Amino acid sequence: MKRLSLTQFLNISFLISIIAILGSLYFSEIVKLTPCSLCWYQRILIYPLPIMIIIAMIVNDAKIVYYLRIFSFLGIILSTYHYLIQFFHKKSTFCNILSDCTSIDIQYFGFITIPFMSILAFLTIFSSSFLIKK
């Protein structure tokens, strides 16, 4: 299995997090979809990542890997929960009256929704963090 250098991992993670941020802003600001509460929690976990990664690149800090693992693991849990309540149309205590977490506003190929894309972003960052050369 091919291993990644710390720099490669940080570059990949930076790119994924920037794409996720731009995607979330596109859906909310251009397409005018109102983010639900769970979407906001996922944003809270993804938005700080590029800043953390840039700082880690500047100071050459390998400890960032542990923080990225924590943020991405929490993001996987949250976005998987969101995807499942969307898929099974279950109400959640996280959601409020103004925004329904079960509504599917965007769907590609019958299963790719916004929470699914979030799962992929967090999962890619999380799994690639274990491919770093020691």
N, C-alpha and C. Protein backbone atom coordinates (compact mmCIF):
# COMPACT_ATOMS: atom_id res chain seq x y z
N MET A 1 0.85 -1.18 0.00
CA MET A 1 0.00 0.00 0.00
C MET A 1 0.89 1.24 0.00
N LYS A 2 0.57 2.17 -0.85
CA LYS A 2 1.36 3.39 -0.96
C LYS A 2 1.13 4.29 0.25
N ARG A 3 2.20 4.78 0.80
CA ARG A 3 2.14 5.68 1.94
C ARG A 3 2.23 7.13 1.47
N LEU A 4 1.68 8.02 2.27
CA LEU A 4 1.70 9.45 1.98
C LEU A 4 2.69 10.15 2.88
N SER A 5 3.33 11.17 2.36
CA SER A 5 4.12 12.02 3.23
C SER A 5 3.16 12.95 3.96
N LEU A 6 3.64 13.57 5.02
CA LEU A 6 2.79 14.51 5.76
C LEU A 6 2.33 15.64 4.84
N THR A 7 3.23 16.13 4.00
CA THR A 7 2.88 17.21 3.08
C THR A 7 1.79 16.78 2.10
N GLN A 8 1.91 15.57 1.56
CA GLN A 8 0.88 15.08 0.64
C GLN A 8 -0.47 14.97 1.34
N PHE A 9 -0.45 14.42 2.55
CA PHE A 9 -1.69 14.29 3.31
C PHE A 9 -2.32 15.65 3.58
N LEU A 10 -1.50 16.62 3.97
CA LEU A 10 -2.03 17.96 4.26
C LEU A 10 -2.59 18.61 3.00
N ASN A 11 -1.91 18.41 1.87
CA ASN A 11 -2.41 18.97 0.61
C ASN A 11 -3.75 18.35 0.22
N ILE A 12 -3.85 17.03 0.35
CA ILE A 12 -5.11 16.34 0.03
C ILE A 12 -6.22 16.82 0.96
N SER A 13 -5.93 16.86 2.24
CA SER A 13 -6.93 17.28 3.23
C SER A 13 -7.36 18.73 3.01
N PHE A 14 -6.40 19.58 2.68
CA PHE A 14 -6.70 20.98 2.39
C PHE A 14 -7.64 21.08 1.19
N LEU A 15 -7.31 20.37 0.13
CA LEU A 15 -8.13 20.41 -1.08
C LEU A 15 -9.54 19.90 -0.82
N ILE A 16 -9.66 18.79 -0.12
CA ILE A 16 -10.98 18.22 0.19
C ILE A 16 -11.80 19.19 1.04
N SER A 17 -11.18 19.77 2.06
CA SER A 17 -11.93 20.68 2.94
C SER A 17 -12.34 21.96 2.21
N ILE A 18 -11.49 22.47 1.34
CA ILE A 18 -11.85 23.67 0.56
C ILE A 18 -13.01 23.35 -0.39
N ILE A 19 -12.95 22.19 -1.05
CA ILE A 19 -14.05 21.80 -1.94
C ILE A 19 -15.34 21.65 -1.16
N ALA A 20 -15.27 21.05 0.04
CA ALA A 20 -16.47 20.88 0.88
C ALA A 20 -17.04 22.24 1.31
N ILE A 21 -16.16 23.16 1.66
CA ILE A 21 -16.62 24.49 2.07
C ILE A 21 -17.26 25.23 0.89
N LEU A 22 -16.59 25.20 -0.26
CA LEU A 22 -17.15 25.87 -1.44
C LEU A 22 -18.47 25.23 -1.86
N GLY A 23 -18.56 23.91 -1.74
CA GLY A 23 -19.81 23.22 -2.06
C GLY A 23 -20.94 23.63 -1.13
N SER A 24 -20.65 23.71 0.17
CA SER A 24 -21.69 24.11 1.12
C SER A 24 -22.12 25.55 0.89
N LEU A 25 -21.17 26.41 0.58
CA LEU A 25 -21.52 27.80 0.30
C LEU A 25 -22.29 27.93 -1.01
N TYR A 26 -21.94 27.12 -1.99
CA TYR A 26 -22.68 27.12 -3.26
C TYR A 26 -24.14 26.75 -3.04
N PHE A 27 -24.36 25.66 -2.30
CA PHE A 27 -25.74 25.21 -2.07
C PHE A 27 -26.54 26.22 -1.24
N SER A 28 -25.90 26.88 -0.29
CA SER A 28 -26.67 27.81 0.56
C SER A 28 -26.78 29.21 -0.03
N GLU A 29 -25.74 29.70 -0.68
CA GLU A 29 -25.75 31.09 -1.15
C GLU A 29 -26.19 31.25 -2.60
N ILE A 30 -25.91 30.28 -3.44
CA ILE A 30 -26.27 30.41 -4.86
C ILE A 30 -27.55 29.65 -5.17
N VAL A 31 -27.62 28.39 -4.73
CA VAL A 31 -28.84 27.60 -4.95
C VAL A 31 -29.94 28.00 -3.98
N LYS A 32 -29.56 28.68 -2.90
CA LYS A 32 -30.50 29.19 -1.88
C LYS A 32 -31.18 28.08 -1.07
N LEU A 33 -30.45 27.01 -0.78
CA LEU A 33 -30.96 25.98 0.12
C LEU A 33 -30.64 26.38 1.55
N THR A 34 -31.63 26.32 2.41
CA THR A 34 -31.41 26.66 3.82
C THR A 34 -30.78 25.47 4.53
N PRO A 35 -29.59 25.64 5.11
CA PRO A 35 -28.96 24.52 5.81
C PRO A 35 -29.73 24.18 7.08
N CYS A 36 -29.90 22.89 7.32
CA CYS A 36 -30.57 22.45 8.55
C CYS A 36 -29.55 22.47 9.70
N SER A 37 -30.01 22.17 10.88
CA SER A 37 -29.13 22.19 12.06
C SER A 37 -27.97 21.22 11.92
N LEU A 38 -28.25 20.01 11.43
CA LEU A 38 -27.17 19.04 11.26
C LEU A 38 -26.16 19.49 10.21
N CYS A 39 -26.63 20.18 9.19
CA CYS A 39 -25.72 20.75 8.19
C CYS A 39 -24.79 21.77 8.83
N TRP A 40 -25.33 22.57 9.72
CA TRP A 40 -24.51 23.57 10.41
C TRP A 40 -23.46 22.90 11.29
N TYR A 41 -23.83 21.83 11.98
CA TYR A 41 -22.85 21.11 12.81
C TYR A 41 -21.74 20.52 11.95
N GLN A 42 -22.09 20.02 10.78
CA GLN A 42 -21.07 19.49 9.87
C GLN A 42 -20.17 20.62 9.37
N ARG A 43 -20.75 21.77 9.11
CA ARG A 43 -19.95 22.92 8.70
C ARG A 43 -18.99 23.34 9.81
N ILE A 44 -19.46 23.28 11.05
CA ILE A 44 -18.60 23.65 12.18
C ILE A 44 -17.37 22.75 12.22
N LEU A 45 -17.52 21.50 11.81
CA LEU A 45 -16.40 20.57 11.82
C LEU A 45 -15.49 20.71 10.60
N ILE A 46 -16.01 21.15 9.46
CA ILE A 46 -15.18 21.22 8.25
C ILE A 46 -14.55 22.60 8.04
N TYR A 47 -15.22 23.68 8.45
CA TYR A 47 -14.73 25.03 8.17
C TYR A 47 -13.37 25.35 8.79
N PRO A 48 -13.06 24.91 10.00
CA PRO A 48 -11.75 25.25 10.56
C PRO A 48 -10.58 24.45 9.97
N LEU A 49 -10.86 23.38 9.25
CA LEU A 49 -9.78 22.51 8.79
C LEU A 49 -8.75 23.20 7.90
N PRO A 50 -9.15 23.98 6.88
CA PRO A 50 -8.12 24.63 6.05
C PRO A 50 -7.20 25.56 6.85
N ILE A 51 -7.76 26.26 7.82
CA ILE A 51 -6.93 27.15 8.65
C ILE A 51 -5.96 26.33 9.48
N MET A 52 -6.45 25.25 10.08
CA MET A 52 -5.59 24.38 10.88
C MET A 52 -4.48 23.77 10.01
N ILE A 53 -4.83 23.38 8.80
CA ILE A 53 -3.86 22.75 7.89
C ILE A 53 -2.81 23.75 7.46
N ILE A 54 -3.21 24.97 7.13
CA ILE A 54 -2.24 25.99 6.73
C ILE A 54 -1.26 26.28 7.86
N ILE A 55 -1.78 26.41 9.07
CA ILE A 55 -0.90 26.65 10.22
C ILE A 55 0.07 25.48 10.40
N ALA A 56 -0.43 24.25 10.26
CA ALA A 56 0.43 23.07 10.39
C ALA A 56 1.50 23.04 9.31
N MET A 57 1.15 23.48 8.10
CA MET A 57 2.14 23.53 7.02
C MET A 57 3.22 24.57 7.31
N ILE A 58 2.81 25.70 7.85
CA ILE A 58 3.77 26.77 8.13
C ILE A 58 4.75 26.37 9.22
N VAL A 59 4.23 25.79 10.30
CA VAL A 59 5.11 25.44 11.44
C VAL A 59 5.61 23.99 11.36
N ASN A 60 5.22 23.26 10.29
CA ASN A 60 5.64 21.88 10.09
C ASN A 60 5.30 21.02 11.31
N ASP A 61 4.04 21.04 11.68
CA ASP A 61 3.57 20.34 12.88
C ASP A 61 2.82 19.07 12.49
N ALA A 62 3.38 17.91 12.82
CA ALA A 62 2.76 16.62 12.50
C ALA A 62 1.61 16.29 13.44
N LYS A 63 1.49 17.01 14.55
CA LYS A 63 0.41 16.74 15.50
C LYS A 63 -0.97 17.07 14.92
N ILE A 64 -0.99 17.83 13.85
CA ILE A 64 -2.26 18.19 13.21
C ILE A 64 -3.03 16.95 12.80
N VAL A 65 -2.31 15.88 12.50
CA VAL A 65 -2.95 14.64 12.07
C VAL A 65 -3.97 14.17 13.10
N TYR A 66 -3.63 14.26 14.37
CA TYR A 66 -4.53 13.81 15.43
C TYR A 66 -5.78 14.69 15.51
N TYR A 67 -5.60 15.98 15.34
CA TYR A 67 -6.75 16.89 15.35
C TYR A 67 -7.66 16.65 14.14
N LEU A 68 -7.04 16.43 12.99
CA LEU A 68 -7.83 16.17 11.79
C LEU A 68 -8.59 14.85 11.92
N ARG A 69 -7.96 13.87 12.56
CA ARG A 69 -8.66 12.60 12.79
C ARG A 69 -9.88 12.80 13.68
N ILE A 70 -9.73 13.58 14.72
CA ILE A 70 -10.85 13.82 15.64
C ILE A 70 -11.98 14.55 14.93
N PHE A 71 -11.64 15.65 14.25
CA PHE A 71 -12.66 16.43 13.54
C PHE A 71 -13.35 15.58 12.48
N SER A 72 -12.56 14.83 11.70
CA SER A 72 -13.16 14.04 10.62
C SER A 72 -13.96 12.85 11.16
N PHE A 73 -13.51 12.24 12.26
CA PHE A 73 -14.28 11.14 12.85
C PHE A 73 -15.63 11.64 13.35
N LEU A 74 -15.62 12.77 14.04
CA LEU A 74 -16.89 13.36 14.49
C LEU A 74 -17.77 13.72 13.29
N GLY A 75 -17.14 14.22 12.24
CA GLY A 75 -17.88 14.55 11.02
C GLY A 75 -18.50 13.33 10.37
N ILE A 76 -17.77 12.21 10.38
CA ILE A 76 -18.31 10.95 9.83
C ILE A 76 -19.54 10.53 10.62
N ILE A 77 -19.44 10.56 11.94
CA ILE A 77 -20.57 10.17 12.79
C ILE A 77 -21.78 11.06 12.52
N LEU A 78 -21.56 12.36 12.53
CA LEU A 78 -22.65 13.32 12.35
C LEU A 78 -23.29 13.22 10.96
N SER A 79 -22.46 13.17 9.93
CA SER A 79 -23.01 13.12 8.57
C SER A 79 -23.66 11.77 8.27
N THR A 80 -23.15 10.68 8.86
CA THR A 80 -23.79 9.38 8.69
C THR A 80 -25.16 9.38 9.37
N TYR A 81 -25.22 9.94 10.56
CA TYR A 81 -26.50 10.08 11.26
C TYR A 81 -27.48 10.89 10.42
N HIS A 82 -27.00 11.99 9.86
CA HIS A 82 -27.84 12.85 9.02
C HIS A 82 -28.33 12.09 7.79
N TYR A 83 -27.43 11.36 7.16
CA TYR A 83 -27.79 10.59 5.97
C TYR A 83 -28.84 9.54 6.30
N LEU A 84 -28.67 8.87 7.43
CA LEU A 84 -29.62 7.82 7.82
C LEU A 84 -31.00 8.37 8.16
N ILE A 85 -31.06 9.51 8.87
CA ILE A 85 -32.39 10.06 9.16
C ILE A 85 -33.04 10.60 7.89
N GLN A 86 -32.22 11.02 6.93
CA GLN A 86 -32.76 11.44 5.63
C GLN A 86 -33.30 10.22 4.88
N PHE A 87 -32.53 9.17 4.88
CA PHE A 87 -32.88 7.96 4.14
C PHE A 87 -34.13 7.29 4.71
N PHE A 88 -34.24 7.26 6.04
CA PHE A 88 -35.38 6.60 6.69
C PHE A 88 -36.48 7.58 7.10
N HIS A 89 -36.31 8.86 6.79
CA HIS A 89 -37.31 9.90 7.09
C HIS A 89 -37.70 9.92 8.57
N LYS A 90 -36.71 9.89 9.43
CA LYS A 90 -36.95 9.94 10.87
C LYS A 90 -36.70 11.35 11.37
N LYS A 91 -37.47 11.76 12.35
CA LYS A 91 -37.26 13.07 12.98
C LYS A 91 -36.07 12.99 13.92
N SER A 92 -35.42 14.12 14.10
CA SER A 92 -34.25 14.18 14.96
C SER A 92 -34.41 15.31 15.97
N THR A 93 -33.84 15.12 17.13
CA THR A 93 -33.89 16.17 18.15
C THR A 93 -32.98 17.34 17.79
N PHE A 94 -32.04 17.11 16.86
CA PHE A 94 -31.14 18.18 16.44
C PHE A 94 -31.84 19.20 15.54
N CYS A 95 -32.89 18.79 14.88
CA CYS A 95 -33.53 19.64 13.88
C CYS A 95 -34.64 20.48 14.49
N ASN A 96 -34.85 21.62 13.87
CA ASN A 96 -35.90 22.52 14.36
C ASN A 96 -37.00 22.69 13.31
N ILE A 97 -37.95 23.52 13.61
CA ILE A 97 -39.11 23.72 12.74
C ILE A 97 -38.71 24.43 11.44
N LEU A 98 -37.73 25.31 11.50
CA LEU A 98 -37.36 26.12 10.34
C LEU A 98 -36.68 25.31 9.24
N SER A 99 -35.94 24.28 9.62
CA SER A 99 -35.24 23.49 8.62
C SER A 99 -35.40 22.01 8.92
N ASP A 100 -35.84 21.28 7.94
CA ASP A 100 -36.09 19.85 8.10
C ASP A 100 -34.86 19.06 7.68
N CYS A 101 -34.29 18.32 8.60
CA CYS A 101 -33.09 17.53 8.32
C CYS A 101 -33.37 16.32 7.44
N THR A 102 -34.63 15.95 7.31
CA THR A 102 -34.97 14.77 6.50
C THR A 102 -35.25 15.12 5.04
N SER A 103 -35.38 16.40 4.73
CA SER A 103 -35.69 16.77 3.34
C SER A 103 -34.46 16.54 2.47
N ILE A 104 -34.70 16.00 1.29
CA ILE A 104 -33.63 15.74 0.32
C ILE A 104 -33.77 16.76 -0.80
N ASP A 105 -32.94 17.79 -0.74
CA ASP A 105 -33.02 18.87 -1.73
C ASP A 105 -32.19 18.56 -2.97
N ILE A 106 -31.10 17.85 -2.79
CA ILE A 106 -30.20 17.48 -3.88
C ILE A 106 -30.02 15.97 -3.82
N GLN A 107 -30.19 15.29 -4.97
CA GLN A 107 -29.97 13.85 -4.99
C GLN A 107 -29.48 13.44 -6.37
N TYR A 108 -28.34 12.76 -6.41
CA TYR A 108 -27.76 12.26 -7.65
C TYR A 108 -27.73 10.73 -7.60
N PHE A 109 -28.07 10.10 -8.69
CA PHE A 109 -28.03 8.63 -8.83
C PHE A 109 -28.88 7.92 -7.79
N GLY A 110 -29.83 8.61 -7.18
CA GLY A 110 -30.74 7.99 -6.25
C GLY A 110 -30.23 7.82 -4.83
N PHE A 111 -28.96 8.15 -4.56
CA PHE A 111 -28.44 7.96 -3.21
C PHE A 111 -27.44 9.03 -2.77
N ILE A 112 -26.90 9.79 -3.69
CA ILE A 112 -25.90 10.80 -3.33
C ILE A 112 -26.62 12.09 -2.95
N THR A 113 -26.63 12.39 -1.66
CA THR A 113 -27.23 13.61 -1.14
C THR A 113 -26.12 14.46 -0.53
N ILE A 114 -26.47 15.63 -0.04
CA ILE A 114 -25.47 16.50 0.59
C ILE A 114 -24.81 15.83 1.80
N PRO A 115 -25.56 15.18 2.70
CA PRO A 115 -24.89 14.48 3.81
C PRO A 115 -23.98 13.34 3.33
N PHE A 116 -24.34 12.69 2.23
CA PHE A 116 -23.50 11.62 1.69
C PHE A 116 -22.17 12.20 1.20
N MET A 117 -22.23 13.36 0.54
CA MET A 117 -21.00 14.02 0.09
C MET A 117 -20.15 14.42 1.30
N SER A 118 -20.80 14.82 2.37
CA SER A 118 -20.09 15.16 3.60
C SER A 118 -19.41 13.93 4.19
N ILE A 119 -20.10 12.79 4.18
CA ILE A 119 -19.50 11.54 4.65
C ILE A 119 -18.23 11.24 3.86
N LEU A 120 -18.31 11.37 2.54
CA LEU A 120 -17.16 11.07 1.69
C LEU A 120 -15.98 11.99 1.99
N ALA A 121 -16.25 13.27 2.19
CA ALA A 121 -15.18 14.22 2.49
C ALA A 121 -14.50 13.86 3.82
N PHE A 122 -15.30 13.70 4.86
CA PHE A 122 -14.74 13.36 6.17
C PHE A 122 -14.04 12.00 6.15
N LEU A 123 -14.64 11.02 5.47
CA LEU A 123 -14.07 9.68 5.42
C LEU A 123 -12.74 9.66 4.67
N THR A 124 -12.63 10.44 3.61
CA THR A 124 -11.38 10.51 2.86
C THR A 124 -10.27 11.12 3.71
N ILE A 125 -10.57 12.19 4.42
CA ILE A 125 -9.57 12.80 5.30
C ILE A 125 -9.19 11.83 6.41
N PHE A 126 -10.18 11.21 7.03
CA PHE A 126 -9.92 10.29 8.14
C PHE A 126 -9.10 9.09 7.69
N SER A 127 -9.51 8.44 6.61
CA SER A 127 -8.80 7.23 6.18
C SER A 127 -7.41 7.54 5.65
N SER A 128 -7.25 8.65 4.94
CA SER A 128 -5.92 8.98 4.43
C SER A 128 -4.95 9.37 5.55
N SER A 129 -5.48 9.75 6.71
CA SER A 129 -4.58 10.09 7.83
C SER A 129 -3.83 8.86 8.34
N PHE A 130 -4.34 7.67 8.04
CA PHE A 130 -3.66 6.44 8.46
C PHE A 130 -2.65 5.95 7.44
N LEU A 131 -2.54 6.65 6.32
CA LEU A 131 -1.59 6.26 5.28
C LEU A 131 -0.30 7.08 5.31
N ILE A 132 -0.13 7.87 6.36
CA ILE A 132 1.05 8.73 6.45
C ILE A 132 2.27 7.90 6.83
N LYS A 133 3.38 8.20 6.16
CA LYS A 133 4.65 7.54 6.49
C LYS A 133 5.06 7.91 7.90
N LYS A 134 5.53 6.95 8.62
CA LYS A 134 6.00 7.21 9.99
C LYS A 134 7.43 7.70 9.98
